[in-house]
Structures are given as structure tokens and as C-alpha cells.
Amino acid sequence: MKLSEFQRAIADEFGSGYGQTLLSDLVLGELGGRTGQQALDAGVPPRDVWLALCRETGVPQSRWYGAGIPAPKR
């Protein structure tokens, strides 16, 4: 997941304002007790941050690949 795809997924799922608030304020134990933004700044891949946010906020697994973006083929 590219950073631009991550940003689009955040906005699509949570809305621009609330999504940015979650990214900067919600501490994620799964990411070492950092916020999503701190994790990104530390080099954690956007996909890992996205999945941690999804799990923490209860986003249904069917939307983990971004709202309206299909899961990649395996």
C-alpha cells in the first residue's frame, strides 16, 4: 500500500477530519504504543498502520483494503 492509497483509505473509511484525528491521537499498542502518525514517521509501512487502525477501531474485515478498494488477488 502506497502512502497515497493509505491516505485515501483513511479518508474513505473515517472521513478526512476524523481520520486525521485517529491517525494523530489514537495510540496503537500493536504498533509499539505509538500513534499511527508516529509509526509512519518511524518507517512502519502504511499497510501495517492501516491494518492496526482497522483492528483497533472495529472496521469490518471486508473493508480492510480500503473503502471501495478490492482485496489484492493472491
PDB file of N, CA and C in Angstrom:
ATOM      1  N   MET A   1       0.850  -1.173   0.000  1.00  0.00           N
ATOM      2  CA  MET A   1       0.000   0.000   0.000  1.00  0.00           C
ATOM      3  C   MET A   1       0.892   1.232   0.000  1.00  0.00           C
ATOM      4  N   LYS A   2       0.672   2.086  -0.974  1.00  0.00           N
ATOM      5  CA  LYS A   2       1.417   3.341  -1.046  1.00  0.00           C
ATOM      6  C   LYS A   2       0.825   4.328  -0.036  1.00  0.00           C
ATOM      7  N   LEU A   3       1.599   5.339   0.313  1.00  0.00           N
ATOM      8  CA  LEU A   3       1.122   6.341   1.262  1.00  0.00           C
ATOM      9  C   LEU A   3      -0.132   7.038   0.731  1.00  0.00           C
ATOM     10  N   SER A   4      -0.176   7.310  -0.563  1.00  0.00           N
ATOM     11  CA  SER A   4      -1.364   7.961  -1.136  1.00  0.00           C
ATOM     12  C   SER A   4      -2.591   7.054  -1.023  1.00  0.00           C
ATOM     13  N   GLU A   5      -2.415   5.748  -1.201  1.00  0.00           N
ATOM     14  CA  GLU A   5      -3.520   4.806  -1.042  1.00  0.00           C
ATOM     15  C   GLU A   5      -3.966   4.749   0.418  1.00  0.00           C
ATOM     16  N   PHE A   6      -2.987   4.790   1.324  1.00  0.00           N
ATOM     17  CA  PHE A   6      -3.280   4.813   2.757  1.00  0.00           C
ATOM     18  C   PHE A   6      -4.126   6.041   3.106  1.00  0.00           C
ATOM     19  N   GLN A   7      -3.707   7.194   2.635  1.00  0.00           N
ATOM     20  CA  GLN A   7      -4.423   8.438   2.926  1.00  0.00           C
ATOM     21  C   GLN A   7      -5.841   8.407   2.362  1.00  0.00           C
ATOM     22  N   ARG A   8      -5.999   7.843   1.157  1.00  0.00           N
ATOM     23  CA  ARG A   8      -7.325   7.712   0.556  1.00  0.00           C
ATOM     24  C   ARG A   8      -8.193   6.761   1.378  1.00  0.00           C
ATOM     25  N   ALA A   9      -7.616   5.653   1.819  1.00  0.00           N
ATOM     26  CA  ALA A   9      -8.369   4.680   2.615  1.00  0.00           C
ATOM     27  C   ALA A   9      -8.827   5.296   3.935  1.00  0.00           C
ATOM     28  N   ILE A  10      -7.957   6.065   4.582  1.00  0.00           N
ATOM     29  CA  ILE A  10      -8.316   6.737   5.843  1.00  0.00           C
ATOM     30  C   ILE A  10      -9.494   7.682   5.604  1.00  0.00           C
ATOM     31  N   ALA A  11      -9.387   8.511   4.567  1.00  0.00           N
ATOM     32  CA  ALA A  11     -10.452   9.477   4.268  1.00  0.00           C
ATOM     33  C   ALA A  11     -11.752   8.768   3.891  1.00  0.00           C
ATOM     34  N   ASP A  12     -11.664   7.698   3.098  1.00  0.00           N
ATOM     35  CA  ASP A  12     -12.862   6.967   2.676  1.00  0.00           C
ATOM     36  C   ASP A  12     -13.548   6.292   3.858  1.00  0.00           C
ATOM     37  N   GLU A  13     -12.772   5.717   4.753  1.00  0.00           N
ATOM     38  CA  GLU A  13     -13.346   4.956   5.861  1.00  0.00           C
ATOM     39  C   GLU A  13     -13.812   5.845   7.006  1.00  0.00           C
ATOM     40  N   PHE A  14     -13.025   6.845   7.352  1.00  0.00           N
ATOM     41  CA  PHE A  14     -13.303   7.634   8.556  1.00  0.00           C
ATOM     42  C   PHE A  14     -13.685   9.090   8.285  1.00  0.00           C
ATOM     43  N   GLY A  15     -13.511   9.543   7.051  1.00  0.00           N
ATOM     44  CA  GLY A  15     -13.693  10.961   6.760  1.00  0.00           C
ATOM     45  C   GLY A  15     -12.367  11.676   6.988  1.00  0.00           C
ATOM     46  N   SER A  16     -12.156  12.748   6.283  1.00  0.00           N
ATOM     47  CA  SER A  16     -10.859  13.434   6.337  1.00  0.00           C
ATOM     48  C   SER A  16     -10.506  13.916   7.738  1.00  0.00           C
ATOM     49  N   GLY A  17     -11.412  14.648   8.377  1.00  0.00           N
ATOM     50  CA  GLY A  17     -11.116  15.218   9.694  1.00  0.00           C
ATOM     51  C   GLY A  17     -10.933  14.166  10.767  1.00  0.00           C
ATOM     52  N   TYR A  18     -11.914  13.269  10.906  1.00  0.00           N
ATOM     53  CA  TYR A  18     -11.829  12.246  11.943  1.00  0.00           C
ATOM     54  C   TYR A  18     -10.683  11.282  11.675  1.00  0.00           C
ATOM     55  N   GLY A  19     -10.452  10.980  10.413  1.00  0.00           N
ATOM     56  CA  GLY A  19      -9.345  10.083  10.058  1.00  0.00           C
ATOM     57  C   GLY A  19      -8.007  10.650  10.494  1.00  0.00           C
ATOM     58  N   GLN A  20      -7.804  11.945  10.282  1.00  0.00           N
ATOM     59  CA  GLN A  20      -6.549  12.573  10.699  1.00  0.00           C
ATOM     60  C   GLN A  20      -6.439  12.621  12.219  1.00  0.00           C
ATOM     61  N   THR A  21      -7.577  12.808  12.892  1.00  0.00           N
ATOM     62  CA  THR A  21      -7.576  12.795  14.357  1.00  0.00           C
ATOM     63  C   THR A  21      -7.177  11.415  14.871  1.00  0.00           C
ATOM     64  N   LEU A  22      -7.757  10.359  14.288  1.00  0.00           N
ATOM     65  CA  LEU A  22      -7.383   8.997  14.686  1.00  0.00           C
ATOM     66  C   LEU A  22      -5.897   8.754  14.456  1.00  0.00           C
ATOM     67  N   LEU A  23      -5.417   9.174  13.329  1.00  0.00           N
ATOM     68  CA  LEU A  23      -4.022   8.957  12.964  1.00  0.00           C
ATOM     69  C   LEU A  23      -3.078   9.651  13.934  1.00  0.00           C
ATOM     70  N   SER A  24      -3.436  10.824  14.388  1.00  0.00           N
ATOM     71  CA  SER A  24      -2.533  11.585  15.255  1.00  0.00           C
ATOM     72  C   SER A  24      -2.765  11.363  16.741  1.00  0.00           C
ATOM     73  N   ASP A  25      -3.951  10.884  17.141  1.00  0.00           N
ATOM     74  CA  ASP A  25      -4.270  10.794  18.571  1.00  0.00           C
ATOM     75  C   ASP A  25      -4.427   9.379  19.124  1.00  0.00           C
ATOM     76  N   LEU A  26      -4.863   8.441  18.297  1.00  0.00           N
ATOM     77  CA  LEU A  26      -5.136   7.086  18.792  1.00  0.00           C
ATOM     78  C   LEU A  26      -3.834   6.305  18.948  1.00  0.00           C
ATOM     79  N   VAL A  27      -3.535   5.920  20.187  1.00  0.00           N
ATOM     80  CA  VAL A  27      -2.323   5.140  20.467  1.00  0.00           C
ATOM     81  C   VAL A  27      -2.637   3.670  20.204  1.00  0.00           C
ATOM     82  N   LEU A  28      -1.792   3.047  19.396  1.00  0.00           N
ATOM     83  CA  LEU A  28      -1.999   1.663  18.971  1.00  0.00           C
ATOM     84  C   LEU A  28      -0.956   0.757  19.605  1.00  0.00           C
ATOM     85  N   GLY A  29      -1.387  -0.069  20.542  1.00  0.00           N
ATOM     86  CA  GLY A  29      -0.476  -0.995  21.206  1.00  0.00           C
ATOM     87  C   GLY A  29       0.220  -1.913  20.224  1.00  0.00           C
ATOM     88  N   GLU A  30      -0.489  -2.274  19.182  1.00  0.00           N
ATOM     89  CA  GLU A  30       0.049  -3.162  18.147  1.00  0.00           C
ATOM     90  C   GLU A  30       1.260  -2.548  17.432  1.00  0.00           C
ATOM     91  N   LEU A  31       1.344  -1.224  17.472  1.00  0.00           N
ATOM     92  CA  LEU A  31       2.460  -0.523  16.826  1.00  0.00           C
ATOM     93  C   LEU A  31       3.442   0.016  17.851  1.00  0.00           C
ATOM     94  N   GLY A  32       3.560  -0.681  18.969  1.00  0.00           N
ATOM     95  CA  GLY A  32       4.530  -0.296  19.982  1.00  0.00           C
ATOM     96  C   GLY A  32       4.105   0.885  20.832  1.00  0.00           C
ATOM     97  N   GLY A  33       2.805   1.084  20.999  1.00  0.00           N
ATOM     98  CA  GLY A  33       2.319   2.176  21.827  1.00  0.00           C
ATOM     99  C   GLY A  33       2.504   3.537  21.168  1.00  0.00           C
ATOM    100  N   ARG A  34       2.507   3.555  19.844  1.00  0.00           N
ATOM    101  CA  ARG A  34       2.643   4.805  19.096  1.00  0.00           C
ATOM    102  C   ARG A  34       1.331   5.117  18.385  1.00  0.00           C
ATOM    103  N   THR A  35       1.180   6.363  18.006  1.00  0.00           N
ATOM    104  CA  THR A  35       0.053   6.710  17.146  1.00  0.00           C
ATOM    105  C   THR A  35       0.377   6.241  15.735  1.00  0.00           C
ATOM    106  N   GLY A  36      -0.618   6.219  14.890  1.00  0.00           N
ATOM    107  CA  GLY A  36      -0.379   5.854  13.504  1.00  0.00           C
ATOM    108  C   GLY A  36       0.626   6.779  12.839  1.00  0.00           C
ATOM    109  N   GLN A  37       0.516   8.071  13.120  1.00  0.00           N
ATOM    110  CA  GLN A  37       1.438   9.027  12.509  1.00  0.00           C
ATOM    111  C   GLN A  37       2.861   8.809  13.005  1.00  0.00           C
ATOM    112  N   GLN A  38       3.017   8.545  14.302  1.00  0.00           N
ATOM    113  CA  GLN A  38       4.357   8.268  14.836  1.00  0.00           C
ATOM    114  C   GLN A  38       4.943   7.018  14.198  1.00  0.00           C
ATOM    115  N   ALA A  39       4.108   6.016  13.999  1.00  0.00           N
ATOM    116  CA  ALA A  39       4.569   4.777  13.367  1.00  0.00           C
ATOM    117  C   ALA A  39       5.008   5.041  11.925  1.00  0.00           C
ATOM    118  N   LEU A  40       4.210   5.800  11.178  1.00  0.00           N
ATOM    119  CA  LEU A  40       4.587   6.140   9.807  1.00  0.00           C
ATOM    120  C   LEU A  40       5.907   6.906   9.789  1.00  0.00           C
ATOM    121  N   ASP A  41       6.031   7.867  10.692  1.00  0.00           N
ATOM    122  CA  ASP A  41       7.255   8.671  10.769  1.00  0.00           C
ATOM    123  C   ASP A  41       8.476   7.819  11.108  1.00  0.00           C
ATOM    124  N   ALA A  42       8.245   6.716  11.832  1.00  0.00           N
ATOM    125  CA  ALA A  42       9.332   5.818  12.216  1.00  0.00           C
ATOM    126  C   ALA A  42       9.635   4.777  11.133  1.00  0.00           C
ATOM    127  N   GLY A  43       8.882   4.823  10.029  1.00  0.00           N
ATOM    128  CA  GLY A  43       9.165   3.907   8.929  1.00  0.00           C
ATOM    129  C   GLY A  43       8.301   2.662   8.854  1.00  0.00           C
ATOM    130  N   VAL A  44       7.273   2.578   9.695  1.00  0.00           N
ATOM    131  CA  VAL A  44       6.366   1.438   9.619  1.00  0.00           C
ATOM    132  C   VAL A  44       5.589   1.560   8.303  1.00  0.00           C
ATOM    133  N   PRO A  45       5.475   0.478   7.541  1.00  0.00           N
ATOM    134  CA  PRO A  45       4.754   0.535   6.268  1.00  0.00           C
ATOM    135  C   PRO A  45       3.304   0.981   6.453  1.00  0.00           C
ATOM    136  N   PRO A  46       2.797   1.812   5.547  1.00  0.00           N
ATOM    137  CA  PRO A  46       1.413   2.278   5.652  1.00  0.00           C
ATOM    138  C   PRO A  46       0.398   1.146   5.776  1.00  0.00           C
ATOM    139  N   ARG A  47       0.624   0.046   5.086  1.00  0.00           N
ATOM    140  CA  ARG A  47      -0.323  -1.082   5.178  1.00  0.00           C
ATOM    141  C   ARG A  47      -0.420  -1.604   6.603  1.00  0.00           C
ATOM    142  N   ASP A  48       0.716  -1.697   7.304  1.00  0.00           N
ATOM    143  CA  ASP A  48       0.707  -2.177   8.686  1.00  0.00           C
ATOM    144  C   ASP A  48      -0.043  -1.217   9.600  1.00  0.00           C
ATOM    145  N   VAL A  49       0.132   0.076   9.362  1.00  0.00           N
ATOM    146  CA  VAL A  49      -0.586   1.086  10.154  1.00  0.00           C
ATOM    147  C   VAL A  49      -2.076   1.002   9.856  1.00  0.00           C
ATOM    148  N   TRP A  50      -2.428   0.883   8.581  1.00  0.00           N
ATOM    149  CA  TRP A  50      -3.831   0.773   8.185  1.00  0.00           C
ATOM    150  C   TRP A  50      -4.497  -0.428   8.855  1.00  0.00           C
ATOM    151  N   LEU A  51      -3.854  -1.576   8.800  1.00  0.00           N
ATOM    152  CA  LEU A  51      -4.446  -2.778   9.400  1.00  0.00           C
ATOM    153  C   LEU A  51      -4.575  -2.642  10.912  1.00  0.00           C
ATOM    154  N   ALA A  52      -3.604  -2.042  11.560  1.00  0.00           N
ATOM    155  CA  ALA A  52      -3.683  -1.816  13.012  1.00  0.00           C
ATOM    156  C   ALA A  52      -4.846  -0.881  13.345  1.00  0.00           C
ATOM    157  N   LEU A  53      -5.024   0.178  12.559  1.00  0.00           N
ATOM    158  CA  LEU A  53      -6.151   1.092  12.766  1.00  0.00           C
ATOM    159  C   LEU A  53      -7.476   0.368  12.560  1.00  0.00           C
ATOM    160  N   CYS A  54      -7.548  -0.455  11.529  1.00  0.00           N
ATOM    161  CA  CYS A  54      -8.773  -1.205  11.261  1.00  0.00           C
ATOM    162  C   CYS A  54      -9.128  -2.116  12.424  1.00  0.00           C
ATOM    163  N   ARG A  55      -8.155  -2.851  12.905  1.00  0.00           N
ATOM    164  CA  ARG A  55      -8.414  -3.773  14.017  1.00  0.00           C
ATOM    165  C   ARG A  55      -8.828  -3.009  15.271  1.00  0.00           C
ATOM    166  N   GLU A  56      -8.142  -1.936  15.573  1.00  0.00           N
ATOM    167  CA  GLU A  56      -8.402  -1.171  16.790  1.00  0.00           C
ATOM    168  C   GLU A  56      -9.770  -0.491  16.775  1.00  0.00           C
ATOM    169  N   THR A  57     -10.205  -0.040  15.614  1.00  0.00           N
ATOM    170  CA  THR A  57     -11.459   0.706  15.527  1.00  0.00           C
ATOM    171  C   THR A  57     -12.651  -0.146  15.103  1.00  0.00           C
ATOM    172  N   GLY A  58     -12.426  -1.443  14.864  1.00  0.00           N
ATOM    173  CA  GLY A  58     -13.531  -2.337  14.541  1.00  0.00           C
ATOM    174  C   GLY A  58     -14.035  -2.245  13.113  1.00  0.00           C
ATOM    175  N   VAL A  59     -13.188  -1.820  12.202  1.00  0.00           N
ATOM    176  CA  VAL A  59     -13.578  -1.795  10.791  1.00  0.00           C
ATOM    177  C   VAL A  59     -13.776  -3.251  10.342  1.00  0.00           C
ATOM    178  N   PRO A  60     -14.911  -3.551   9.701  1.00  0.00           N
ATOM    179  CA  PRO A  60     -15.135  -4.926   9.238  1.00  0.00           C
ATOM    180  C   PRO A  60     -14.006  -5.381   8.305  1.00  0.00           C
ATOM    181  N   GLN A  61     -13.629  -6.613   8.431  1.00  0.00           N
ATOM    182  CA  GLN A  61     -12.516  -7.165   7.657  1.00  0.00           C
ATOM    183  C   GLN A  61     -12.729  -7.018   6.154  1.00  0.00           C
ATOM    184  N   SER A  62     -13.972  -6.976   5.725  1.00  0.00           N
ATOM    185  CA  SER A  62     -14.261  -6.827   4.300  1.00  0.00           C
ATOM    186  C   SER A  62     -13.802  -5.470   3.762  1.00  0.00           C
ATOM    187  N   ARG A  63     -13.549  -4.506   4.655  1.00  0.00           N
ATOM    188  CA  ARG A  63     -13.108  -3.177   4.221  1.00  0.00           C
ATOM    189  C   ARG A  63     -11.660  -2.880   4.602  1.00  0.00           C
ATOM    190  N   TRP A  64     -10.910  -3.883   5.004  1.00  0.00           N
ATOM    191  CA  TRP A  64      -9.530  -3.655   5.431  1.00  0.00           C
ATOM    192  C   TRP A  64      -8.622  -3.204   4.300  1.00  0.00           C
ATOM    193  N   TYR A  65      -9.011  -3.410   3.088  1.00  0.00           N
ATOM    194  CA  TYR A  65      -8.166  -2.998   1.975  1.00  0.00           C
ATOM    195  C   TYR A  65      -8.555  -1.625   1.459  1.00  0.00           C
ATOM    196  N   GLY A  66      -9.292  -0.885   2.275  1.00  0.00           N
ATOM    197  CA  GLY A  66      -9.726   0.459   1.902  1.00  0.00           C
ATOM    198  C   GLY A  66     -11.154   0.437   1.418  1.00  0.00           C
ATOM    199  N   ALA A  67     -11.891   1.431   1.790  1.00  0.00           N
ATOM    200  CA  ALA A  67     -13.295   1.509   1.389  1.00  0.00           C
ATOM    201  C   ALA A  67     -13.381   1.555  -0.130  1.00  0.00           C
ATOM    202  N   GLY A  68     -14.076   0.578  -0.699  1.00  0.00           N
ATOM    203  CA  GLY A  68     -14.264   0.547  -2.141  1.00  0.00           C
ATOM    204  C   GLY A  68     -13.089   0.013  -2.940  1.00  0.00           C
ATOM    205  N   ILE A  69     -12.014  -0.388  -2.268  1.00  0.00           N
ATOM    206  CA  ILE A  69     -10.853  -0.924  -2.973  1.00  0.00           C
ATOM    207  C   ILE A  69     -10.836  -2.438  -2.757  1.00  0.00           C
ATOM    208  N   PRO A  70     -10.881  -3.229  -3.813  1.00  0.00           N
ATOM    209  CA  PRO A  70     -10.920  -4.686  -3.653  1.00  0.00           C
ATOM    210  C   PRO A  70      -9.624  -5.245  -3.081  1.00  0.00           C
ATOM    211  N   ALA A  71      -9.747  -6.353  -2.423  1.00  0.00           N
ATOM    212  CA  ALA A  71      -8.566  -7.046  -1.889  1.00  0.00           C
ATOM    213  C   ALA A  71      -7.686  -7.488  -3.049  1.00  0.00           C
ATOM    214  N   PRO A  72      -6.366  -7.452  -2.874  1.00  0.00           N
ATOM    215  CA  PRO A  72      -5.482  -7.899  -3.950  1.00  0.00           C
ATOM    216  C   PRO A  72      -5.654  -9.398  -4.215  1.00  0.00           C
ATOM    217  N   LYS A  73      -5.473  -9.782  -5.468  1.00  0.00           N
ATOM    218  CA  LYS A  73      -5.557 -11.198  -5.832  1.00  0.00           C
ATOM    219  C   LYS A  73      -4.309 -11.917  -5.358  1.00  0.00           C
ATOM    220  N   ARG A  74      -4.467 -13.129  -4.929  1.00  0.00           N
ATOM    221  CA  ARG A  74      -3.331 -13.913  -4.433  1.00  0.00           C
ATOM    222  C   ARG A  74      -2.983 -14.995  -5.404  1.00  0.00           C
TER     223      ARG A  74
END
